[in-house]
Protein backbone atom coordinates (compact mmCIF):
# COMPACT_ATOMS: atom_id res chain seq x y z
CA UNK A 1 0.00 0.00 0.00
CA UNK A 2 2.80 2.41 0.95
CA UNK A 3 4.62 1.49 -2.25
CA UNK A 4 1.56 2.41 -4.34
CA UNK A 5 1.15 5.73 -2.53
CA UNK A 6 4.81 6.60 -3.15
CA UNK A 7 4.55 5.60 -6.81
CA UNK A 8 1.42 7.67 -7.39
CA UNK A 9 2.96 10.62 -5.55
CA UNK A 10 6.08 10.49 -7.72
CA UNK A 11 4.02 10.26 -10.89
CA UNK A 12 1.61 13.03 -9.92
CA UNK A 13 3.97 15.52 -8.36
CA UNK A 14 7.14 14.94 -10.40
CA UNK A 15 6.38 13.27 -13.73
CA UNK A 16 3.15 15.16 -14.50
CA UNK A 17 4.69 18.62 -13.86
CA UNK A 18 7.71 17.66 -16.00
CA UNK A 19 5.49 16.53 -18.86
CA UNK A 20 3.48 19.73 -18.50
CA UNK A 21 6.60 21.88 -18.71
CA UNK A 22 7.99 19.99 -21.72
CA UNK A 23 4.63 20.21 -23.52
CA UNK A 24 4.42 23.93 -22.84
CA UNK A 25 7.95 24.59 -24.11
CA UNK A 26 7.45 22.30 -27.09
CA UNK A 27 4.21 24.03 -28.09
CA UNK A 28 5.96 27.38 -27.80
CA UNK A 29 8.80 26.27 -30.06
CA UNK A 30 6.39 24.83 -32.64
CA UNK A 31 4.27 28.00 -32.62
CA UNK A 32 7.31 30.22 -33.11
CA UNK A 33 8.64 28.04 -35.93
CA UNK A 34 5.33 27.73 -37.80
CA UNK A 35 4.11 31.31 -37.33
CA UNK A 36 4.45 32.51 -40.91
CA UNK A 37 1.91 35.34 -41.03
CA UNK A 38 3.57 38.46 -42.42
CA UNK A 39 1.22 40.93 -40.74
CA UNK A 40 1.53 39.53 -37.20
CA UNK A 41 4.18 38.44 -34.72
CA UNK A 42 4.61 37.15 -31.19
CA UNK A 43 6.19 39.82 -29.00
CA UNK A 44 7.21 40.43 -25.40
CA UNK A 45 5.95 43.70 -23.97
CA UNK A 46 8.97 45.31 -22.31
CA UNK A 47 7.57 48.71 -21.25
CA UNK A 48 4.49 50.91 -21.54
CA UNK A 49 6.04 54.33 -22.21
CA UNK A 50 2.89 56.46 -22.26
CA UNK A 51 -0.70 56.93 -23.40
CA UNK A 52 -2.60 59.70 -25.11
CA UNK A 53 -6.17 60.03 -26.37
CA UNK A 54 -6.78 59.83 -30.09
CA UNK A 55 -8.41 63.20 -30.74
CA UNK A 56 -9.90 62.02 -34.05
CA UNK A 57 -11.82 59.12 -32.48
CA UNK A 58 -15.24 59.23 -30.88
CA UNK A 59 -16.75 61.51 -33.52
CA UNK A 60 -20.05 60.56 -35.12
CA UNK A 61 -20.54 57.64 -32.76
CA UNK A 62 -17.23 55.94 -33.53
CA UNK A 63 -15.34 54.00 -30.89
CA UNK A 64 -12.99 56.10 -28.76
CA UNK A 65 -9.38 55.02 -29.09
CA UNK A 66 -6.06 55.90 -27.53
CA UNK A 67 -2.48 55.83 -28.73
CA UNK A 68 -0.14 53.79 -26.54
CA UNK A 69 3.64 54.07 -26.78
CA UNK A 70 5.26 50.72 -25.97
CA UNK A 71 8.57 48.92 -26.19
CA UNK A 72 8.43 45.37 -27.54
CA UNK A 73 10.83 42.52 -28.33
CA UNK A 74 10.01 40.33 -31.31
CA UNK A 75 10.13 36.58 -30.67
CA UNK A 76 9.70 35.43 -34.26
CA UNK A 77 9.77 36.67 -37.82
CA UNK A 78 12.38 38.74 -39.61
CA UNK A 79 12.94 40.94 -36.53
CA UNK A 80 13.22 38.09 -34.01
CA UNK A 81 15.34 39.12 -31.02
CA UNK A 82 15.22 42.85 -31.76
CA UNK A 83 13.65 45.46 -29.49
CA UNK A 84 11.66 48.38 -30.85
CA UNK A 85 9.66 51.33 -29.54
CA UNK A 86 6.39 51.70 -31.37
CA UNK A 87 2.98 53.35 -31.13
CA UNK A 88 -0.14 51.20 -31.20
CA UNK A 89 -3.82 52.08 -31.46
CA UNK A 90 -6.11 50.60 -28.81
CA UNK A 91 -9.74 51.04 -27.75
CA UNK A 92 -9.99 53.41 -24.80
CA UNK A 93 -12.06 50.92 -22.78
CA UNK A 94 -10.21 47.81 -23.97
CA UNK A 95 -10.22 44.85 -21.60
CA UNK A 96 -6.83 43.79 -22.93
CA UNK A 97 -4.50 44.86 -20.14
CA UNK A 98 -0.95 45.65 -21.23
CA UNK A 99 1.40 44.23 -18.59
CA UNK A 100 5.20 44.42 -19.07
CA UNK A 101 6.80 41.00 -19.24
CA UNK A 102 3.83 39.28 -20.83
CA UNK A 103 3.65 37.98 -24.38
CA UNK A 104 1.13 39.26 -26.91
CA UNK A 105 0.08 38.98 -30.54
CA UNK A 106 1.23 42.03 -32.47
CA UNK A 107 -0.65 43.02 -35.65
CA UNK A 108 0.32 45.29 -38.55
CA UNK A 109 -2.45 46.69 -40.79
CA UNK A 110 -1.21 48.06 -44.11
CA UNK A 111 -3.43 50.54 -46.00
CA UNK A 112 -3.58 51.30 -49.72
CA UNK A 113 -1.45 54.41 -49.35
CA UNK A 114 1.38 52.40 -47.78
CA UNK A 115 0.85 53.59 -44.20
CA UNK A 116 0.82 51.15 -41.32
CA UNK A 117 -1.27 50.88 -38.17
CA UNK A 118 -0.03 48.77 -35.28
CA UNK A 119 -2.06 47.08 -32.55
CA UNK A 120 -1.95 44.40 -29.88
CA UNK A 121 -4.76 41.95 -30.68
CA UNK A 122 -4.59 39.35 -27.92
CA UNK A 123 -2.47 37.57 -25.36
CA UNK A 124 -0.18 34.77 -26.46
CA UNK A 125 -1.47 31.73 -24.57
CA UNK A 126 -0.50 28.69 -26.67
CA UNK A 127 2.13 27.34 -24.20
CA UNK A 128 -0.25 27.63 -21.23
CA UNK A 129 -3.09 25.94 -23.11
CA UNK A 130 -0.87 23.07 -24.27
CA UNK A 131 0.58 22.70 -20.78
CA UNK A 132 -2.77 22.44 -19.01
CA UNK A 133 -4.15 19.99 -21.59
CA UNK A 134 -1.08 17.81 -21.09
CA UNK A 135 -1.42 18.05 -17.31
CA UNK A 136 -5.06 16.92 -17.41
CA UNK A 137 -4.30 14.03 -19.77
CA UNK A 138 -1.27 12.90 -17.78
CA UNK A 139 -3.16 13.05 -14.48
CA UNK A 140 -5.97 10.98 -15.99
CA UNK A 141 -3.51 8.39 -17.26
CA UNK A 142 -1.79 8.18 -13.85
CA UNK A 143 -4.95 7.96 -11.75
CA UNK A 144 -7.07 5.80 -14.06
CA UNK A 145 -4.28 3.66 -15.47
CA UNK A 146 -5.05 1.63 -18.58
CA UNK A 147 -8.69 2.72 -18.57
CA UNK A 148 -7.63 6.36 -18.61
CA UNK A 149 -5.22 5.81 -21.49
CA UNK A 150 -7.92 4.00 -23.48
CA UNK A 151 -10.40 6.80 -22.78
CA UNK A 152 -7.89 9.37 -24.03
CA UNK A 153 -7.24 7.34 -27.19
CA UNK A 154 -10.97 7.18 -27.86
CA UNK A 155 -11.32 10.91 -27.25
CA UNK A 156 -8.45 11.90 -29.55
CA UNK A 157 -9.65 9.64 -32.34
CA UNK A 158 -13.19 11.00 -31.95
CA UNK A 159 -11.90 14.57 -32.19
CA UNK A 160 -9.86 13.62 -35.23
CA UNK A 161 -12.99 12.18 -36.86
CA UNK A 162 -15.10 15.24 -36.08
CA UNK A 163 -12.51 17.90 -36.93
CA UNK A 164 -10.78 16.06 -39.74
CA UNK A 165 -13.82 14.71 -41.57
CA UNK A 166 -17.18 15.91 -40.21
CA UNK A 167 -16.47 19.65 -40.00
CA UNK A 168 -14.79 19.87 -43.44
CA UNK A 169 -17.77 18.07 -44.99
CA UNK A 170 -20.13 20.62 -43.45
CA UNK A 171 -17.93 23.48 -44.66
CA UNK A 172 -18.21 22.14 -48.20
CA UNK A 173 -21.99 22.41 -48.00
CA UNK A 174 -23.06 18.80 -47.51
CA UNK A 175 -26.38 18.15 -45.73
CA UNK A 176 -25.51 18.27 -42.00
CA UNK A 177 -27.94 15.79 -40.41
CA UNK A 178 -27.02 12.60 -42.34
CA UNK A 179 -23.33 13.31 -41.85
CA UNK A 180 -23.98 14.06 -38.18
CA UNK A 181 -25.54 10.60 -37.80
CA UNK A 182 -22.53 9.02 -39.51
CA UNK A 183 -20.15 11.04 -37.32
CA UNK A 184 -22.05 10.02 -34.18
CA UNK A 185 -21.90 6.38 -35.27
CA UNK A 186 -18.13 6.71 -35.74
CA UNK A 187 -17.61 8.46 -32.40
CA UNK A 188 -19.80 5.88 -30.65
CA UNK A 189 -17.86 3.00 -32.19
CA UNK A 190 -14.48 4.49 -31.27
CA UNK A 191 -15.56 5.23 -27.71
CA UNK A 192 -17.11 1.80 -27.20
CA UNK A 193 -14.07 -0.02 -28.58
CA UNK A 194 -11.78 1.73 -26.09
CA UNK A 195 -14.13 1.89 -23.09
CA UNK A 196 -16.10 -1.39 -23.13
CA UNK A 197 -13.65 -4.25 -22.44
CA UNK A 198 -15.84 -7.16 -23.64
CA UNK A 199 -15.90 -7.26 -27.41
CA UNK A 200 -19.07 -9.37 -27.47
CA UNK A 201 -21.02 -6.46 -25.94
CA UNK A 202 -19.96 -3.76 -28.43
CA UNK A 203 -23.11 -3.92 -30.62
CA UNK A 204 -25.43 -3.22 -27.67
CA UNK A 205 -24.29 0.30 -26.64
CA UNK A 206 -23.64 1.13 -30.30
CA UNK A 207 -27.24 0.41 -31.26
CA UNK A 208 -28.50 2.27 -28.19
CA UNK A 209 -26.36 5.37 -28.79
CA UNK A 210 -27.19 5.63 -32.49
CA UNK A 211 -30.87 5.03 -31.77
CA UNK A 212 -30.91 7.80 -29.17
CA UNK A 213 -29.10 10.18 -31.52
CA UNK A 214 -31.60 9.50 -34.31
CA UNK A 215 -34.45 10.09 -31.86
CA UNK A 216 -32.92 13.42 -30.84
CA UNK A 217 -32.53 14.45 -34.48
CA UNK A 218 -36.16 13.61 -35.33
CA UNK A 219 -37.38 15.51 -32.26
CA UNK A 220 -35.19 18.49 -33.13
CA UNK A 221 -36.36 18.46 -36.75
CA UNK A 222 -40.01 18.57 -35.65
CA UNK A 223 -39.32 21.37 -33.15
CA UNK A 224 -37.36 23.46 -35.67
CA UNK A 225 -40.25 23.20 -38.12
CA UNK A 226 -43.00 23.98 -35.63
CA UNK A 227 -41.06 26.76 -33.88
CA UNK A 228 -39.95 28.25 -37.22
CA UNK A 229 -36.32 28.58 -36.20
CA UNK A 230 -33.90 29.66 -38.91
CA UNK A 231 -30.56 28.75 -37.36
CA UNK A 232 -29.61 32.45 -37.28
CA UNK A 233 -30.37 32.89 -33.60
CA UNK A 234 -26.81 33.72 -32.48
CA UNK A 235 -24.02 35.99 -33.66
CA UNK A 236 -21.68 33.20 -34.77
CA UNK A 237 -24.38 31.73 -37.02
CA UNK A 238 -25.06 35.15 -38.56
CA UNK A 239 -21.34 35.63 -39.21
CA UNK A 240 -21.08 32.15 -40.72
CA UNK A 241 -24.05 32.81 -43.00
CA UNK A 242 -22.52 36.09 -44.18
CA UNK A 243 -19.32 34.26 -45.12
CA UNK A 244 -20.90 31.05 -46.48
CA UNK A 245 -24.55 31.68 -47.45
CA UNK A 246 -24.74 28.27 -49.16
CA UNK A 247 -24.70 26.42 -45.82
CA UNK A 248 -27.90 24.93 -44.40
CA UNK A 249 -28.08 26.58 -40.98
CA UNK A 250 -31.16 24.68 -39.81
CA UNK A 251 -29.32 21.46 -40.45
CA UNK A 252 -26.27 22.82 -38.65
CA UNK A 253 -28.46 23.58 -35.64
CA UNK A 254 -29.77 20.00 -35.58
CA UNK A 255 -26.28 18.60 -36.09
CA UNK A 256 -25.04 20.69 -33.15
CA UNK A 257 -27.81 19.27 -30.96
CA UNK A 258 -26.94 15.71 -31.95
CA UNK A 259 -23.17 16.02 -31.54
CA UNK A 260 -23.53 17.97 -28.28
CA UNK A 261 -25.60 15.21 -26.67
CA UNK A 262 -23.62 12.18 -27.83
CA UNK A 263 -21.48 12.12 -24.67
CA UNK A 264 -24.46 11.82 -22.34
CA UNK A 265 -26.15 9.32 -24.67
CA UNK A 266 -23.04 7.13 -24.67
CA UNK A 267 -22.82 7.29 -20.87
CA UNK A 268 -26.37 5.98 -20.56
CA UNK A 269 -25.90 3.30 -23.23
CA UNK A 270 -22.67 1.98 -21.70
CA UNK A 271 -24.11 2.01 -18.15
CA UNK A 272 -27.21 0.06 -19.20
CA UNK A 273 -25.10 -2.42 -21.18
CA UNK A 274 -22.65 -3.01 -18.33
CA UNK A 275 -25.41 -3.60 -15.78
CA UNK A 276 -27.24 -6.07 -18.01
CA UNK A 277 -24.00 -7.89 -18.83
CA UNK A 278 -23.08 -8.21 -15.15
CA UNK A 279 -26.51 -9.59 -14.27
CA UNK A 280 -26.37 -12.14 -17.07
CA UNK A 281 -22.80 -13.08 -16.17
CA UNK A 282 -23.84 -13.69 -12.56
CA UNK A 283 -26.98 -15.63 -13.47
CA UNK A 284 -27.12 -16.87 -17.09
CA UNK A 285 -30.55 -18.37 -16.42
CA UNK A 286 -32.10 -14.97 -15.64
CA UNK A 287 -35.36 -14.46 -17.58
CA UNK A 288 -35.03 -12.03 -20.47
CA UNK A 289 -37.99 -10.03 -19.16
CA UNK A 290 -36.19 -9.55 -15.84
CA UNK A 291 -33.03 -8.56 -17.72
CA UNK A 292 -35.02 -5.98 -19.71
CA UNK A 293 -36.52 -4.58 -16.53
CA UNK A 294 -33.07 -4.31 -14.91
CA UNK A 295 -31.73 -2.38 -17.90
CA UNK A 296 -34.67 0.03 -17.78
CA UNK A 297 -34.27 0.55 -14.02
CA UNK A 298 -30.54 1.25 -14.25
CA UNK A 299 -31.09 3.59 -17.18
CA UNK A 300 -33.76 5.47 -15.25
CA UNK A 301 -31.39 5.95 -12.32
CA UNK A 302 -28.62 7.26 -14.57
CA UNK A 303 -31.03 9.44 -16.53
CA UNK A 304 -31.54 12.01 -13.75
CA UNK A 305 -27.88 12.96 -13.47
CA UNK A 306 -27.38 12.83 -17.25
CA UNK A 307 -30.27 15.23 -17.87
CA UNK A 308 -28.77 17.59 -15.29
CA UNK A 309 -25.41 17.33 -17.04
CA UNK A 310 -26.93 18.04 -20.44
CA UNK A 311 -29.18 20.95 -19.47
CA UNK A 312 -26.67 22.60 -17.13
CA UNK A 313 -24.02 22.39 -19.87
CA UNK A 314 -26.32 24.28 -22.23
CA UNK A 315 -27.17 26.78 -19.49
CA UNK A 316 -23.50 27.35 -18.72
CA UNK A 317 -22.64 27.94 -22.37
CA UNK A 318 -25.27 30.71 -22.59
CA UNK A 319 -24.82 32.12 -19.07
CA UNK A 320 -23.82 35.68 -20.15
CA UNK A 321 -27.02 35.92 -22.21
CA UNK A 322 -29.09 34.63 -19.27
CA UNK A 323 -27.52 37.22 -16.96
CA UNK A 324 -28.31 39.94 -19.51
CA UNK A 325 -31.95 38.85 -19.60
CA UNK A 326 -32.19 38.85 -15.81
CA UNK A 327 -30.80 42.40 -15.68
CA UNK A 328 -33.44 43.60 -18.13
CA UNK A 329 -36.29 42.15 -16.08
CA UNK A 330 -37.46 38.88 -17.64
CA UNK A 331 -41.00 38.47 -18.98
CA UNK A 332 -42.12 34.83 -19.23
CA UNK A 333 -44.08 35.33 -22.44
CA UNK A 334 -41.24 37.25 -24.08
CA UNK A 335 -38.70 34.68 -22.89
CA UNK A 336 -40.60 31.76 -24.41
CA UNK A 337 -40.88 33.61 -27.71
CA UNK A 338 -37.24 34.75 -27.80
CA UNK A 339 -35.33 32.88 -30.54
CA UNK A 340 -32.17 32.55 -28.43
CA UNK A 341 -34.12 30.97 -25.56
CA UNK A 342 -36.06 28.80 -28.00
CA UNK A 343 -32.80 27.49 -29.42
CA UNK A 344 -31.49 26.53 -25.97
CA UNK A 345 -34.82 24.88 -25.12
CA UNK A 346 -34.56 22.98 -28.39
CA UNK A 347 -31.12 21.69 -27.45
CA UNK A 348 -32.30 20.64 -23.98
CA UNK A 349 -35.55 18.99 -25.06
CA UNK A 350 -34.08 17.16 -28.06
CA UNK A 351 -31.13 15.98 -25.98
CA UNK A 352 -33.47 14.78 -23.22
CA UNK A 353 -35.60 12.86 -25.70
CA UNK A 354 -32.43 11.29 -27.07
CA UNK A 355 -31.49 10.14 -23.56
CA UNK A 356 -34.99 8.80 -22.92
CA UNK A 357 -34.96 6.77 -26.12
CA UNK A 358 -31.45 5.47 -25.48
CA UNK A 359 -32.62 3.51 -22.43
CA UNK A 360 -35.27 1.26 -24.05
CA UNK A 361 -33.29 0.95 -27.29
CA UNK A 362 -30.18 -0.19 -25.40
CA UNK A 363 -32.17 -2.51 -23.12
CA UNK A 364 -33.99 -4.00 -26.10
CA UNK A 365 -30.74 -4.42 -28.02
CA UNK A 366 -29.18 -6.07 -24.98
CA UNK A 367 -32.00 -8.58 -24.59
CA UNK A 368 -32.00 -9.34 -28.31
CA UNK A 369 -28.23 -9.71 -28.50
CA UNK A 370 -27.96 -11.91 -25.40
CA UNK A 371 -30.84 -14.12 -26.57
CA UNK A 372 -29.30 -14.32 -30.04
CA UNK A 373 -25.84 -15.32 -28.79
CA UNK A 374 -27.10 -17.42 -25.86
CA UNK A 375 -24.61 -19.99 -24.55
CA UNK A 376 -25.71 -23.00 -22.46
CA UNK A 377 -25.35 -22.32 -18.76
CA UNK A 378 -22.63 -24.88 -17.95
CA UNK A 379 -20.47 -23.95 -20.92
CA UNK A 380 -20.88 -20.25 -20.23
CA UNK A 381 -20.02 -20.75 -16.56
CA UNK A 382 -16.78 -22.51 -17.49
CA UNK A 383 -15.87 -19.73 -19.93
CA UNK A 384 -16.51 -17.07 -17.30
CA UNK A 385 -14.19 -18.91 -14.87
CA UNK A 386 -11.55 -19.14 -17.58
CA UNK A 387 -11.75 -15.36 -18.21
């Protein structure tokens, strides 16, 4: 016991911080080497030399700006390693605090007449982001062992599938919902392969997860039609439509609902499958009706926390908008008719229906699969002892 505590302590408090530091430095080196944008650079802010109001700003309702004199050191590009004093233009009420010693993204805007305008656009946070991601992954691998490593492999492959195939297909203008179903099937399969240890059980949670996702998509499609939602209910969708008007935004809304709920749907499907498999492993002679009932009961118990997870995740993602509504004095009738609120309700209701359908679909698939691949009791008992 003491040996295990020492080993975990060494891994958590020595190896994980070292991996975090190496990942942070490595990400920084890669970013500096691959940063090839001519009109931007990564810089270190050495000093803030002074500020003065831009007298030409603020007229005719324009944003008020100020001119800030700073000293910077370039970290990449043609001027890497050199220090320069320069004047940048910044909004007077900008939330971007200029702190000496920190690293920022430096932009150069070139106009038609050849003049330049300099600005600091954002903080440089790539090393910190890479470091914290590595820390979380390493801690999961240390604490969860092989199961944690398998979960990470499933997660990375799922992200690769979504970002490397699903998103580019949507960007090219393909119909979102059918490709969302295919993507969900792929993510479900990858997750199940890495998370569920018994290969014979893989079809059960797969059928349950895909069935729940299809149920959520049908529910969302009906709600979008009846509620007359356009998919233009938030700023990012409006911006996307202005850039790519050929995209089907209603379909994107439904695809977002389906992909956003797949994690909770998989949790329910895997939990129901595991419980039914354990019962059947303990008593292979258990009646199929009793096995069905057990799957439904376990799914119902898991459902409460999963619905909370789903709805609270949607609430958290739109929390600034909810706070804004509360400050304005909410009106129930106006809230229910607001397109932003309607979109969040759509996500919650469709996701909940998907979870509800996942339980009976998984339980039914489990009963069917176990009955289909039924092994005589004595032979099965011997195989279980051998495993």
